[in-house]
Structure formats: structure tokens, C-alpha cells
C-alpha atoms as a PDB file:
ATOM      1  CA  UNK A   1      54.046-147.294 -79.719  1.00  0.00           C
ATOM      2  CA  UNK A   2      51.402-145.343 -81.614  1.00  0.00           C
ATOM      3  CA  UNK A   3      49.049-147.055 -84.020  1.00  0.00           C
ATOM      4  CA  UNK A   4      47.231-144.622 -86.313  1.00  0.00           C
ATOM      5  CA  UNK A   5      44.255-145.908 -88.314  1.00  0.00           C
ATOM      6  CA  UNK A   6      43.250-144.013 -91.445  1.00  0.00           C
ATOM      7  CA  UNK A   7      39.989-144.968 -93.125  1.00  0.00           C
ATOM      8  CA  UNK A   8      39.335-143.917 -96.713  1.00  0.00           C
ATOM      9  CA  UNK A   9      36.634-144.615 -99.244  1.00  0.00           C
ATOM     10  CA  UNK A  10      37.956-147.136-101.754  1.00  0.00           C
ATOM     11  CA  UNK A  11      39.414-145.969-105.072  1.00  0.00           C
ATOM     12  CA  UNK A  12      39.662-142.305-104.086  1.00  0.00           C
ATOM     13  CA  UNK A  13      43.401-142.124-103.450  1.00  0.00           C
ATOM     14  CA  UNK A  14      46.211-143.632-105.501  1.00  0.00           C
ATOM     15  CA  UNK A  15      48.817-145.935-103.974  1.00  0.00           C
ATOM     16  CA  UNK A  16      51.312-143.049-104.213  1.00  0.00           C
ATOM     17  CA  UNK A  17      48.942-140.735-102.305  1.00  0.00           C
ATOM     18  CA  UNK A  18      48.433-143.360 -99.599  1.00  0.00           C
ATOM     19  CA  UNK A  19      52.208-143.781 -99.293  1.00  0.00           C
ATOM     20  CA  UNK A  20      52.542-140.002 -98.921  1.00  0.00           C
ATOM     21  CA  UNK A  21      49.888-140.052 -96.175  1.00  0.00           C
ATOM     22  CA  UNK A  22      51.787-142.765 -94.311  1.00  0.00           C
ATOM     23  CA  UNK A  23      55.062-140.835 -94.562  1.00  0.00           C
ATOM     24  CA  UNK A  24      53.579-137.491 -93.500  1.00  0.00           C
ATOM     25  CA  UNK A  25      51.532-138.937 -90.642  1.00  0.00           C
ATOM     26  CA  UNK A  26      54.632-140.739 -89.386  1.00  0.00           C
ATOM     27  CA  UNK A  27      56.666-137.514 -89.683  1.00  0.00           C
ATOM     28  CA  UNK A  28      54.010-135.647 -87.679  1.00  0.00           C
ATOM     29  CA  UNK A  29      54.063-138.203 -84.877  1.00  0.00           C
ATOM     30  CA  UNK A  30      57.876-138.189 -84.821  1.00  0.00           C
ATOM     31  CA  UNK A  31      57.815-134.389 -84.562  1.00  0.00           C
ATOM     32  CA  UNK A  32      55.712-134.779 -81.408  1.00  0.00           C
ATOM     33  CA  UNK A  33      57.305-137.891 -79.892  1.00  0.00           C
ATOM     34  CA  UNK A  34      60.898-137.710 -81.078  1.00  0.00           C
ATOM     35  CA  UNK A  35      62.918-139.472 -83.758  1.00  0.00           C
ATOM     36  CA  UNK A  36      63.487-142.583 -81.649  1.00  0.00           C
ATOM     37  CA  UNK A  37      59.795-143.445 -82.088  1.00  0.00           C
ATOM     38  CA  UNK A  38      59.890-143.543 -85.927  1.00  0.00           C
ATOM     39  CA  UNK A  39      60.586-147.280 -86.065  1.00  0.00           C
ATOM     40  CA  UNK A  40      57.658-148.140 -83.816  1.00  0.00           C
ATOM     41  CA  UNK A  41      55.066-145.747 -85.270  1.00  0.00           C
ATOM     42  CA  UNK A  42      52.456-147.769 -87.149  1.00  0.00           C
ATOM     43  CA  UNK A  43      50.077-146.283 -89.729  1.00  0.00           C
ATOM     44  CA  UNK A  44      47.308-148.515 -91.084  1.00  0.00           C
ATOM     45  CA  UNK A  45      45.349-147.356 -94.137  1.00  0.00           C
ATOM     46  CA  UNK A  46      42.023-149.124 -94.582  1.00  0.00           C
ATOM     47  CA  UNK A  47      39.661-148.642 -97.487  1.00  0.00           C
ATOM     48  CA  UNK A  48      35.922-148.699 -96.865  1.00  0.00           C
ATOM     49  CA  UNK A  49      33.673-149.907 -99.651  1.00  0.00           C
ATOM     50  CA  UNK A  50      31.969-147.157-101.675  1.00  0.00           C
ATOM     51  CA  UNK A  51      28.544-146.427-100.200  1.00  0.00           C
ATOM     52  CA  UNK A  52      29.419-147.952 -96.810  1.00  0.00           C
ATOM     53  CA  UNK A  53      30.460-144.556 -95.434  1.00  0.00           C
ATOM     54  CA  UNK A  54      27.928-141.999 -94.299  1.00  0.00           C
ATOM     55  CA  UNK A  55      27.993-138.333 -93.373  1.00  0.00           C
ATOM     56  CA  UNK A  56      24.945-136.537 -92.003  1.00  0.00           C
ATOM     57  CA  UNK A  57      22.763-139.567 -92.622  1.00  0.00           C
ATOM     58  CA  UNK A  58      23.728-139.781 -96.309  1.00  0.00           C
ATOM     59  CA  UNK A  59      25.843-142.482 -97.946  1.00  0.00           C
ATOM     60  CA  UNK A  60      29.049-141.240 -99.508  1.00  0.00           C
ATOM     61  CA  UNK A  61      30.378-142.965-102.620  1.00  0.00           C
ATOM     62  CA  UNK A  62      33.670-142.938-104.484  1.00  0.00           C
ATOM     63  CA  UNK A  63      31.995-140.993-107.285  1.00  0.00           C
ATOM     64  CA  UNK A  64      30.720-138.338-104.880  1.00  0.00           C
ATOM     65  CA  UNK A  65      34.225-137.843-103.463  1.00  0.00           C
ATOM     66  CA  UNK A  66      35.660-137.516-106.980  1.00  0.00           C
ATOM     67  CA  UNK A  67      33.025-134.850-107.703  1.00  0.00           C
ATOM     68  CA  UNK A  68      34.049-132.983-104.539  1.00  0.00           C
ATOM     69  CA  UNK A  69      37.717-133.188-105.556  1.00  0.00           C
ATOM     70  CA  UNK A  70      36.914-131.760-108.993  1.00  0.00           C
ATOM     71  CA  UNK A  71      34.768-128.902-107.669  1.00  0.00           C
ATOM     72  CA  UNK A  72      36.180-125.409-107.690  1.00  0.00           C
ATOM     73  CA  UNK A  73      37.063-124.165-104.206  1.00  0.00           C
ATOM     74  CA  UNK A  74      34.682-121.636-102.712  1.00  0.00           C
ATOM     75  CA  UNK A  75      36.328-118.287-101.988  1.00  0.00           C
ATOM     76  CA  UNK A  76      34.984-115.665 -99.629  1.00  0.00           C
END
């Protein structure tokens, strides 16, 4: 029985987006394991408080993630 933990910075994703994550992650595991495992595939979404998450030695906040989401993608 797989248990998948997903950690997110609080207030970045909507409840609908988190539900979509749960559905798609479950679908991915079922594609690997087989349909009989759907009912025993657990996905746990946990939110980490803004500023309690760090990358490269720097704290990452909800606001910083929103700025990243709003930024124009870089094209080569």
C-alpha cells in the first residue's frame, strides 16, 4: 500500500488544485501498480508554514512562490 507525502508551502495552491494533485498522483501510481491498488493508495498533502521552507540556504515564502508563478517563462 503506497503512502505518498506531498509537502507544499501554505496558501500557494487552492483546495481544487490540491484535489487535482491527489487525483493525478493516484492515477500515476495506479498506472504503475495496477487498478486494484487504487483503493489502497494514500496521498497526504501537508502545508508547511510560509518561511519554514528553504532552498539553497534561503527561506522561501508564500509571496515568493506567487511571484515565481506570475513570472514569464524563460525561453531559449
